[in-house]
Structures are given as structure tokens and as C-alpha cells.
All heavy atoms as atom14 arrays in JSON, in Angstrom:
{
  "sequence": "YHNLPPWTFEGLMGHIKLPFEPILEILTLLKGKSLVFETGD",
  "atom14_mask": [
    [1, 1, 1, 1, 1, 1, 1, 1, 1, 1, 1, 1, 0, 0],
    [1, 1, 1, 1, 1, 1, 1, 1, 1, 1, 0, 0, 0, 0],
    [1, 1, 1, 1, 1, 1, 1, 1, 0, 0, 0, 0, 0, 0],
    [1, 1, 1, 1, 1, 1, 1, 1, 0, 0, 0, 0, 0, 0],
    [1, 1, 1, 1, 1, 1, 1, 0, 0, 0, 0, 0, 0, 0],
    [1, 1, 1, 1, 1, 1, 1, 0, 0, 0, 0, 0, 0, 0],
    [1, 1, 1, 1, 1, 1, 1, 1, 1, 1, 1, 1, 1, 1],
    [1, 1, 1, 1, 1, 1, 1, 0, 0, 0, 0, 0, 0, 0],
    [1, 1, 1, 1, 1, 1, 1, 1, 1, 1, 1, 0, 0, 0],
    [1, 1, 1, 1, 1, 1, 1, 1, 1, 0, 0, 0, 0, 0],
    [1, 1, 1, 1, 0, 0, 0, 0, 0, 0, 0, 0, 0, 0],
    [1, 1, 1, 1, 1, 1, 1, 1, 0, 0, 0, 0, 0, 0],
    [1, 1, 1, 1, 1, 1, 1, 1, 0, 0, 0, 0, 0, 0],
    [1, 1, 1, 1, 0, 0, 0, 0, 0, 0, 0, 0, 0, 0],
    [1, 1, 1, 1, 1, 1, 1, 1, 1, 1, 0, 0, 0, 0],
    [1, 1, 1, 1, 1, 1, 1, 1, 0, 0, 0, 0, 0, 0],
    [1, 1, 1, 1, 1, 1, 1, 1, 1, 0, 0, 0, 0, 0],
    [1, 1, 1, 1, 1, 1, 1, 1, 0, 0, 0, 0, 0, 0],
    [1, 1, 1, 1, 1, 1, 1, 0, 0, 0, 0, 0, 0, 0],
    [1, 1, 1, 1, 1, 1, 1, 1, 1, 1, 1, 0, 0, 0],
    [1, 1, 1, 1, 1, 1, 1, 1, 1, 0, 0, 0, 0, 0],
    [1, 1, 1, 1, 1, 1, 1, 0, 0, 0, 0, 0, 0, 0],
    [1, 1, 1, 1, 1, 1, 1, 1, 0, 0, 0, 0, 0, 0],
    [1, 1, 1, 1, 1, 1, 1, 1, 0, 0, 0, 0, 0, 0],
    [1, 1, 1, 1, 1, 1, 1, 1, 1, 0, 0, 0, 0, 0],
    [1, 1, 1, 1, 1, 1, 1, 1, 0, 0, 0, 0, 0, 0],
    [1, 1, 1, 1, 1, 1, 1, 1, 0, 0, 0, 0, 0, 0],
    [1, 1, 1, 1, 1, 1, 1, 0, 0, 0, 0, 0, 0, 0],
    [1, 1, 1, 1, 1, 1, 1, 1, 0, 0, 0, 0, 0, 0],
    [1, 1, 1, 1, 1, 1, 1, 1, 0, 0, 0, 0, 0, 0],
    [1, 1, 1, 1, 1, 1, 1, 1, 1, 0, 0, 0, 0, 0],
    [1, 1, 1, 1, 0, 0, 0, 0, 0, 0, 0, 0, 0, 0],
    [1, 1, 1, 1, 1, 1, 1, 1, 1, 0, 0, 0, 0, 0],
    [1, 1, 1, 1, 1, 1, 0, 0, 0, 0, 0, 0, 0, 0],
    [1, 1, 1, 1, 1, 1, 1, 1, 0, 0, 0, 0, 0, 0],
    [1, 1, 1, 1, 1, 1, 1, 0, 0, 0, 0, 0, 0, 0],
    [1, 1, 1, 1, 1, 1, 1, 1, 1, 1, 1, 0, 0, 0],
    [1, 1, 1, 1, 1, 1, 1, 1, 1, 0, 0, 0, 0, 0],
    [1, 1, 1, 1, 1, 1, 1, 0, 0, 0, 0, 0, 0, 0],
    [1, 1, 1, 1, 0, 0, 0, 0, 0, 0, 0, 0, 0, 0],
    [1, 1, 1, 1, 1, 1, 1, 1, 0, 0, 0, 0, 0, 0]
  ],
  "atom14_positions": [
    [[9.33, -9.68, 4.89], [10.21, -10.86, 5.01], [11.61, -10.47, 5.48], [12.24, -11.16, 6.28], [10.3, -11.55, 3.65], [11.16, -12.8, 3.67], [10.67, -14.02, 4.15], [12.48, -12.77, 3.18], [11.44, -15.15, 4.15], [13.27, -13.89, 3.19], [12.75, -15.08, 3.67], [13.53, -16.22, 3.69], [0.0, 0.0, 0.0], [0.0, 0.0, 0.0]],
    [[12.1, -9.28, 5.05], [13.44, -8.85, 5.4], [13.47, -7.89, 6.61], [14.49, -7.27, 6.86], [14.09, -8.17, 4.21], [14.4, -9.13, 3.08], [15.46, -9.97, 3.09], [13.74, -9.37, 1.91], [15.48, -10.69, 1.96], [14.43, -10.34, 1.23], [0.0, 0.0, 0.0], [0.0, 0.0, 0.0], [0.0, 0.0, 0.0], [0.0, 0.0, 0.0]],
    [[12.36, -7.78, 7.31], [12.25, -6.92, 8.5], [12.65, -5.45, 8.19], [13.28, -4.78, 9.0], [13.15, -7.44, 9.63], [12.62, -8.74, 10.2], [11.4, -8.93, 10.36], [13.52, -9.69, 10.48], [0.0, 0.0, 0.0], [0.0, 0.0, 0.0], [0.0, 0.0, 0.0], [0.0, 0.0, 0.0], [0.0, 0.0, 0.0], [0.0, 0.0, 0.0]],
    [[12.28, -5.02, 7.0], [12.52, -3.62, 6.63], [11.32, -2.77, 7.09], [10.24, -3.31, 7.38], [12.68, -3.51, 5.12], [13.91, -4.22, 4.54], [13.88, -4.18, 3.02], [15.21, -3.6, 5.06], [0.0, 0.0, 0.0], [0.0, 0.0, 0.0], [0.0, 0.0, 0.0], [0.0, 0.0, 0.0], [0.0, 0.0, 0.0], [0.0, 0.0, 0.0]],
    [[11.48, -1.44, 7.16], [10.35, -0.6, 7.58], [9.15, -0.81, 6.66], [9.29, -0.86, 5.45], [10.9, 0.83, 7.46], [12.4, 0.67, 7.57], [12.71, -0.65, 6.97], [0.0, 0.0, 0.0], [0.0, 0.0, 0.0], [0.0, 0.0, 0.0], [0.0, 0.0, 0.0], [0.0, 0.0, 0.0], [0.0, 0.0, 0.0], [0.0, 0.0, 0.0]],
    [[7.96, -0.96, 7.22], [6.77, -1.15, 6.39], [6.54, 0.06, 5.47], [6.95, 1.18, 5.75], [5.63, -1.31, 7.39], [6.3, -1.67, 8.67], [7.64, -1.01, 8.66], [0.0, 0.0, 0.0], [0.0, 0.0, 0.0], [0.0, 0.0, 0.0], [0.0, 0.0, 0.0], [0.0, 0.0, 0.0], [0.0, 0.0, 0.0], [0.0, 0.0, 0.0]],
    [[5.83, -0.2, 4.37], [5.53, 0.85, 3.42], [4.42, 1.76, 3.91], [3.44, 1.3, 4.54], [5.09, 0.23, 2.08], [6.22, -0.4, 1.31], [6.53, -1.73, 1.25], [7.19, 0.28, 0.48], [7.63, -1.93, 0.45], [8.03, -0.74, -0.05], [7.42, 1.58, 0.13], [9.1, -0.42, -0.89], [8.45, 1.89, -0.71], [9.28, 0.89, -1.24]],
    [[4.52, 3.04, 3.59], [3.4, 3.97, 3.71], [2.78, 4.14, 2.33], [3.35, 3.69, 1.31], [3.85, 5.33, 4.22], [4.78, 5.88, 3.28], [4.54, 5.22, 5.59], [0.0, 0.0, 0.0], [0.0, 0.0, 0.0], [0.0, 0.0, 0.0], [0.0, 0.0, 0.0], [0.0, 0.0, 0.0], [0.0, 0.0, 0.0], [0.0, 0.0, 0.0]],
    [[1.62, 4.76, 2.29], [0.96, 4.97, 0.99], [1.85, 5.86, 0.09], [2.02, 5.54, -1.1], [-0.39, 5.63, 1.23], [-1.16, 5.85, -0.05], [-1.95, 4.84, -0.59], [-1.08, 7.06, -0.75], [-2.64, 5.04, -1.78], [-1.77, 7.26, -1.91], [-2.55, 6.24, -2.43], [0.0, 0.0, 0.0], [0.0, 0.0, 0.0], [0.0, 0.0, 0.0]],
    [[2.37, 6.94, 0.66], [3.2, 7.84, -0.14], [4.44, 7.11, -0.64], [4.91, 7.36, -1.72], [3.58, 9.06, 0.69], [2.45, 10.07, 0.93], [1.5, 9.58, 1.99], [1.81, 8.58, 2.7], [0.42, 10.19, 2.14], [0.0, 0.0, 0.0], [0.0, 0.0, 0.0], [0.0, 0.0, 0.0], [0.0, 0.0, 0.0], [0.0, 0.0, 0.0]],
    [[5.02, 6.24, 0.23], [6.19, 5.49, -0.16], [5.93, 4.54, -1.34], [6.71, 4.49, -2.3], [0.0, 0.0, 0.0], [0.0, 0.0, 0.0], [0.0, 0.0, 0.0], [0.0, 0.0, 0.0], [0.0, 0.0, 0.0], [0.0, 0.0, 0.0], [0.0, 0.0, 0.0], [0.0, 0.0, 0.0], [0.0, 0.0, 0.0], [0.0, 0.0, 0.0]],
    [[4.81, 3.85, -1.28], [4.44, 2.94, -2.39], [4.19, 3.74, -3.68], [4.63, 3.35, -4.75], [3.17, 2.18, -2.02], [3.36, 0.97, -1.09], [1.99, 0.44, -0.64], [4.14, -0.15, -1.77], [0.0, 0.0, 0.0], [0.0, 0.0, 0.0], [0.0, 0.0, 0.0], [0.0, 0.0, 0.0], [0.0, 0.0, 0.0], [0.0, 0.0, 0.0]],
    [[3.49, 4.85, -3.55], [3.18, 5.66, -4.72], [4.45, 6.19, -5.36], [4.57, 6.19, -6.6], [2.25, 6.81, -4.32], [1.71, 7.62, -5.46], [0.36, 8.72, -4.99], [1.2, 9.7, -3.74], [0.0, 0.0, 0.0], [0.0, 0.0, 0.0], [0.0, 0.0, 0.0], [0.0, 0.0, 0.0], [0.0, 0.0, 0.0], [0.0, 0.0, 0.0]],
    [[5.39, 6.67, -4.55], [6.64, 7.19, -5.08], [7.51, 6.1, -5.69], [8.2, 6.32, -6.68], [0.0, 0.0, 0.0], [0.0, 0.0, 0.0], [0.0, 0.0, 0.0], [0.0, 0.0, 0.0], [0.0, 0.0, 0.0], [0.0, 0.0, 0.0], [0.0, 0.0, 0.0], [0.0, 0.0, 0.0], [0.0, 0.0, 0.0], [0.0, 0.0, 0.0]],
    [[7.5, 4.87, -5.06], [8.36, 3.8, -5.55], [7.84, 3.18, -6.83], [8.59, 2.91, -7.79], [8.51, 2.75, -4.47], [9.51, 1.67, -4.78], [10.87, 1.86, -4.72], [9.32, 0.37, -5.2], [11.51, 0.76, -5.05], [10.59, -0.15, -5.37], [0.0, 0.0, 0.0], [0.0, 0.0, 0.0], [0.0, 0.0, 0.0], [0.0, 0.0, 0.0]],
    [[6.52, 2.99, -6.89], [5.94, 2.35, -8.09], [5.8, 3.37, -9.21], [5.67, 3.0, -10.38], [4.57, 1.71, -7.73], [4.8, 0.61, -6.68], [3.89, 1.15, -8.95], [3.53, -0.05, -6.19], [0.0, 0.0, 0.0], [0.0, 0.0, 0.0], [0.0, 0.0, 0.0], [0.0, 0.0, 0.0], [0.0, 0.0, 0.0], [0.0, 0.0, 0.0]],
    [[5.81, 4.65, -8.82], [5.76, 5.75, -9.81], [4.47, 5.75, -10.61], [4.47, 5.79, -11.86], [6.98, 5.73, -10.74], [8.32, 5.86, -10.0], [9.46, 5.96, -10.96], [10.8, 5.97, -10.21], [10.87, 7.02, -9.18], [0.0, 0.0, 0.0], [0.0, 0.0, 0.0], [0.0, 0.0, 0.0], [0.0, 0.0, 0.0], [0.0, 0.0, 0.0]],
    [[3.36, 5.69, -9.87], [2.05, 5.79, -10.47], [1.23, 6.84, -9.72], [1.53, 7.11, -8.56], [1.33, 4.44, -10.47], [1.77, 3.45, -11.55], [1.06, 2.13, -11.33], [1.49, 3.99, -12.95], [0.0, 0.0, 0.0], [0.0, 0.0, 0.0], [0.0, 0.0, 0.0], [0.0, 0.0, 0.0], [0.0, 0.0, 0.0], [0.0, 0.0, 0.0]],
    [[0.18, 7.4, -10.32], [-0.6, 8.43, -9.63], [-1.35, 7.87, -8.43], [-1.34, 6.65, -8.13], [-1.58, 8.91, -10.71], [-0.95, 8.54, -12.01], [-0.17, 7.3, -11.74], [0.0, 0.0, 0.0], [0.0, 0.0, 0.0], [0.0, 0.0, 0.0], [0.0, 0.0, 0.0], [0.0, 0.0, 0.0], [0.0, 0.0, 0.0], [0.0, 0.0, 0.0]],
    [[-2.02, 8.78, -7.75], [-2.72, 8.49, -6.51], [-3.84, 7.45, -6.69], [-3.95, 6.5, -5.93], [-3.3, 9.82, -5.97], [-3.95, 9.74, -4.64], [-3.25, 10.03, -3.5], [-5.27, 9.38, -4.52], [-3.84, 9.98, -2.25], [-5.9, 9.34, -3.3], [-5.16, 9.63, -2.13], [0.0, 0.0, 0.0], [0.0, 0.0, 0.0], [0.0, 0.0, 0.0]],
    [[-4.71, 7.67, -7.69], [-5.91, 6.9, -7.82], [-5.7, 5.4, -8.01], [-6.33, 4.59, -7.31], [-6.78, 7.44, -8.97], [-7.37, 8.81, -8.7], [-6.45, 9.95, -9.14], [-5.24, 9.67, -9.36], [-6.93, 11.07, -9.3], [0.0, 0.0, 0.0], [0.0, 0.0, 0.0], [0.0, 0.0, 0.0], [0.0, 0.0, 0.0], [0.0, 0.0, 0.0]],
    [[-4.83, 4.94, -8.94], [-4.68, 3.49, -9.13], [-4.1, 2.78, -7.89], [-4.52, 1.68, -7.57], [-3.77, 3.36, -10.34], [-3.08, 4.68, -10.44], [-4.04, 5.7, -9.94], [0.0, 0.0, 0.0], [0.0, 0.0, 0.0], [0.0, 0.0, 0.0], [0.0, 0.0, 0.0], [0.0, 0.0, 0.0], [0.0, 0.0, 0.0], [0.0, 0.0, 0.0]],
    [[-3.14, 3.42, -7.22], [-2.56, 2.81, -6.03], [-3.65, 2.67, -4.95], [-3.77, 1.62, -4.3], [-1.37, 3.64, -5.49], [-0.31, 3.79, -6.56], [-0.82, 3.02, -4.23], [0.35, 2.48, -6.96], [0.0, 0.0, 0.0], [0.0, 0.0, 0.0], [0.0, 0.0, 0.0], [0.0, 0.0, 0.0], [0.0, 0.0, 0.0], [0.0, 0.0, 0.0]],
    [[-4.43, 3.72, -4.77], [-5.51, 3.66, -3.76], [-6.52, 2.6, -4.1], [-6.98, 1.86, -3.22], [-6.16, 5.03, -3.64], [-7.33, 5.16, -2.66], [-6.88, 4.85, -1.25], [-7.97, 6.53, -2.75], [0.0, 0.0, 0.0], [0.0, 0.0, 0.0], [0.0, 0.0, 0.0], [0.0, 0.0, 0.0], [0.0, 0.0, 0.0], [0.0, 0.0, 0.0]],
    [[-6.91, 2.53, -5.37], [-7.91, 1.55, -5.78], [-7.44, 0.12, -5.53], [-8.19, -0.71, -4.97], [-8.27, 1.74, -7.26], [-9.28, 0.76, -7.79], [-9.53, 0.89, -9.28], [-9.17, 1.96, -9.84], [-10.08, -0.05, -9.87], [0.0, 0.0, 0.0], [0.0, 0.0, 0.0], [0.0, 0.0, 0.0], [0.0, 0.0, 0.0], [0.0, 0.0, 0.0]],
    [[-6.2, -0.19, -5.95], [-5.71, -1.54, -5.77], [-5.51, -1.9, -4.31], [-5.83, -3.01, -3.88], [-4.39, -1.73, -6.59], [-4.62, -1.47, -8.07], [-3.84, -3.12, -6.35], [-5.63, -2.39, -8.69], [0.0, 0.0, 0.0], [0.0, 0.0, 0.0], [0.0, 0.0, 0.0], [0.0, 0.0, 0.0], [0.0, 0.0, 0.0], [0.0, 0.0, 0.0]],
    [[-4.99, -0.95, -3.52], [-4.83, -1.21, -2.1], [-6.17, -1.48, -1.43], [-6.3, -2.36, -0.56], [-4.15, 0.01, -1.42], [-2.64, 0.0, -1.32], [-2.14, 1.29, -0.73], [-2.11, -1.2, -0.53], [0.0, 0.0, 0.0], [0.0, 0.0, 0.0], [0.0, 0.0, 0.0], [0.0, 0.0, 0.0], [0.0, 0.0, 0.0], [0.0, 0.0, 0.0]],
    [[-7.22, -0.74, -1.85], [-8.54, -0.97, -1.28], [-9.05, -2.36, -1.61], [-9.64, -3.04, -0.76], [-9.51, 0.1, -1.83], [-9.05, 1.39, -1.5], [-10.9, -0.1, -1.22], [0.0, 0.0, 0.0], [0.0, 0.0, 0.0], [0.0, 0.0, 0.0], [0.0, 0.0, 0.0], [0.0, 0.0, 0.0], [0.0, 0.0, 0.0], [0.0, 0.0, 0.0]],
    [[-8.82, -2.83, -2.86], [-9.23, -4.16, -3.25], [-8.46, -5.23, -2.45], [-9.06, -6.23, -2.0], [-9.0, -4.36, -4.74], [-9.86, -3.53, -5.69], [-9.46, -3.77, -7.14], [-11.33, -3.83, -5.5], [0.0, 0.0, 0.0], [0.0, 0.0, 0.0], [0.0, 0.0, 0.0], [0.0, 0.0, 0.0], [0.0, 0.0, 0.0], [0.0, 0.0, 0.0]],
    [[-7.16, -5.03, -2.28], [-6.36, -6.01, -1.56], [-6.75, -6.06, -0.08], [-6.75, -7.15, 0.52], [-4.86, -5.67, -1.7], [-4.29, -5.76, -3.14], [-2.85, -5.28, -3.17], [-4.37, -7.21, -3.64], [0.0, 0.0, 0.0], [0.0, 0.0, 0.0], [0.0, 0.0, 0.0], [0.0, 0.0, 0.0], [0.0, 0.0, 0.0], [0.0, 0.0, 0.0]],
    [[-7.08, -4.92, 0.48], [-7.54, -4.91, 1.86], [-8.89, -5.62, 2.01], [-9.14, -6.31, 2.96], [-7.64, -3.49, 2.41], [-6.3, -2.83, 2.69], [-6.47, -1.48, 3.39], [-7.13, -0.5, 2.49], [-7.28, 0.85, 3.14], [0.0, 0.0, 0.0], [0.0, 0.0, 0.0], [0.0, 0.0, 0.0], [0.0, 0.0, 0.0], [0.0, 0.0, 0.0]],
    [[-9.76, -5.38, 1.02], [-11.06, -6.01, 1.04], [-11.0, -7.54, 0.93], [-11.89, -8.22, 1.47], [0.0, 0.0, 0.0], [0.0, 0.0, 0.0], [0.0, 0.0, 0.0], [0.0, 0.0, 0.0], [0.0, 0.0, 0.0], [0.0, 0.0, 0.0], [0.0, 0.0, 0.0], [0.0, 0.0, 0.0], [0.0, 0.0, 0.0], [0.0, 0.0, 0.0]],
    [[-9.97, -8.06, 0.3], [-9.78, -9.52, 0.16], [-8.88, -10.08, 1.27], [-8.46, -11.23, 1.18], [-9.18, -9.84, -1.2], [-10.08, -9.52, -2.37], [-11.34, -10.38, -2.36], [-12.21, -10.11, -3.58], [-13.43, -10.95, -3.62], [0.0, 0.0, 0.0], [0.0, 0.0, 0.0], [0.0, 0.0, 0.0], [0.0, 0.0, 0.0], [0.0, 0.0, 0.0]],
    [[-8.59, -9.24, 2.31], [-7.79, -9.69, 3.44], [-6.41, -10.16, 3.03], [-5.87, -11.14, 3.58], [-8.52, -10.8, 4.22], [-9.75, -10.33, 4.71], [0.0, 0.0, 0.0], [0.0, 0.0, 0.0], [0.0, 0.0, 0.0], [0.0, 0.0, 0.0], [0.0, 0.0, 0.0], [0.0, 0.0, 0.0], [0.0, 0.0, 0.0], [0.0, 0.0, 0.0]],
    [[-5.8, -9.46, 2.07], [-4.43, -9.73, 1.67], [-3.45, -8.72, 2.25], [-2.26, -9.03, 2.41], [-4.32, -9.76, 0.15], [-5.13, -10.86, -0.59], [-5.07, -10.65, -2.09], [-4.59, -12.24, -0.2], [0.0, 0.0, 0.0], [0.0, 0.0, 0.0], [0.0, 0.0, 0.0], [0.0, 0.0, 0.0], [0.0, 0.0, 0.0], [0.0, 0.0, 0.0]],
    [[-3.95, -7.53, 2.51], [-3.14, -6.44, 3.06], [-3.81, -5.92, 4.31], [-5.05, -5.83, 4.4], [-2.97, -5.3, 2.04], [-2.33, -4.07, 2.69], [-2.11, -5.75, 0.88], [0.0, 0.0, 0.0], [0.0, 0.0, 0.0], [0.0, 0.0, 0.0], [0.0, 0.0, 0.0], [0.0, 0.0, 0.0], [0.0, 0.0, 0.0], [0.0, 0.0, 0.0]],
    [[-2.98, -5.6, 5.32], [-3.5, -5.06, 6.57], [-2.97, -3.63, 6.75], [-1.78, -3.38, 6.55], [-3.02, -5.91, 7.76], [-3.4, -5.34, 9.09], [-4.68, -5.4, 9.57], [-2.43, -4.72, 9.89], [-5.02, -4.86, 10.8], [-2.73, -4.19, 11.1], [-4.06, -4.25, 11.58], [0.0, 0.0, 0.0], [0.0, 0.0, 0.0], [0.0, 0.0, 0.0]],
    [[-3.88, -2.71, 7.08], [-3.51, -1.32, 7.29], [-3.46, -1.02, 8.79], [-4.46, -1.22, 9.49], [-4.54, -0.4, 6.63], [-4.22, 1.09, 6.76], [-5.29, 1.94, 6.11], [-6.29, 2.23, 6.78], [-5.12, 2.32, 4.91], [0.0, 0.0, 0.0], [0.0, 0.0, 0.0], [0.0, 0.0, 0.0], [0.0, 0.0, 0.0], [0.0, 0.0, 0.0]],
    [[-2.32, -0.58, 9.28], [-2.16, -0.32, 10.71], [-2.81, 1.02, 11.07], [-3.22, 1.82, 10.23], [-0.67, -0.26, 11.1], [-0.07, 0.91, 10.54], [0.04, -1.51, 10.62], [0.0, 0.0, 0.0], [0.0, 0.0, 0.0], [0.0, 0.0, 0.0], [0.0, 0.0, 0.0], [0.0, 0.0, 0.0], [0.0, 0.0, 0.0], [0.0, 0.0, 0.0]],
    [[-2.91, 1.28, 12.37], [-3.51, 2.52, 12.85], [-2.47, 3.61, 13.08], [-2.77, 4.58, 13.77], [0.0, 0.0, 0.0], [0.0, 0.0, 0.0], [0.0, 0.0, 0.0], [0.0, 0.0, 0.0], [0.0, 0.0, 0.0], [0.0, 0.0, 0.0], [0.0, 0.0, 0.0], [0.0, 0.0, 0.0], [0.0, 0.0, 0.0], [0.0, 0.0, 0.0]],
    [[-1.27, 3.42, 12.55], [-0.22, 4.43, 12.73], [-0.57, 5.7, 11.96], [-1.51, 5.75, 11.15], [1.15, 3.88, 12.26], [1.61, 2.71, 13.09], [2.25, 2.94, 14.12], [1.31, 1.57, 12.73], [0.0, 0.0, 0.0], [0.0, 0.0, 0.0], [0.0, 0.0, 0.0], [0.0, 0.0, 0.0], [0.0, 0.0, 0.0], [0.0, 0.0, 0.0]]
  ]
}
């Protein structure tokens, strides 16, 4: 919304301050429900 740089996986993990597995699991679920889009960068 604020035209800020998009998040990377490492950025989200460091900002939310949680381990690798839960962030990956939730991101996978959100992508599967077409709520989050992962770029090819």
C-alpha cells in the first residue's frame, strides 16, 4: 500500500522474529489460497 520494497522470506522471518518452519508453513498456506503471490526474483 505504501509502495515500500516488497518483503523477502529472510526479511519476514527477521522482522516477525520466528524460526524458519512456521513462517514457511504459513506462507505456503497463504500462497495455496491465492492470498500471497511469490515473484520469480
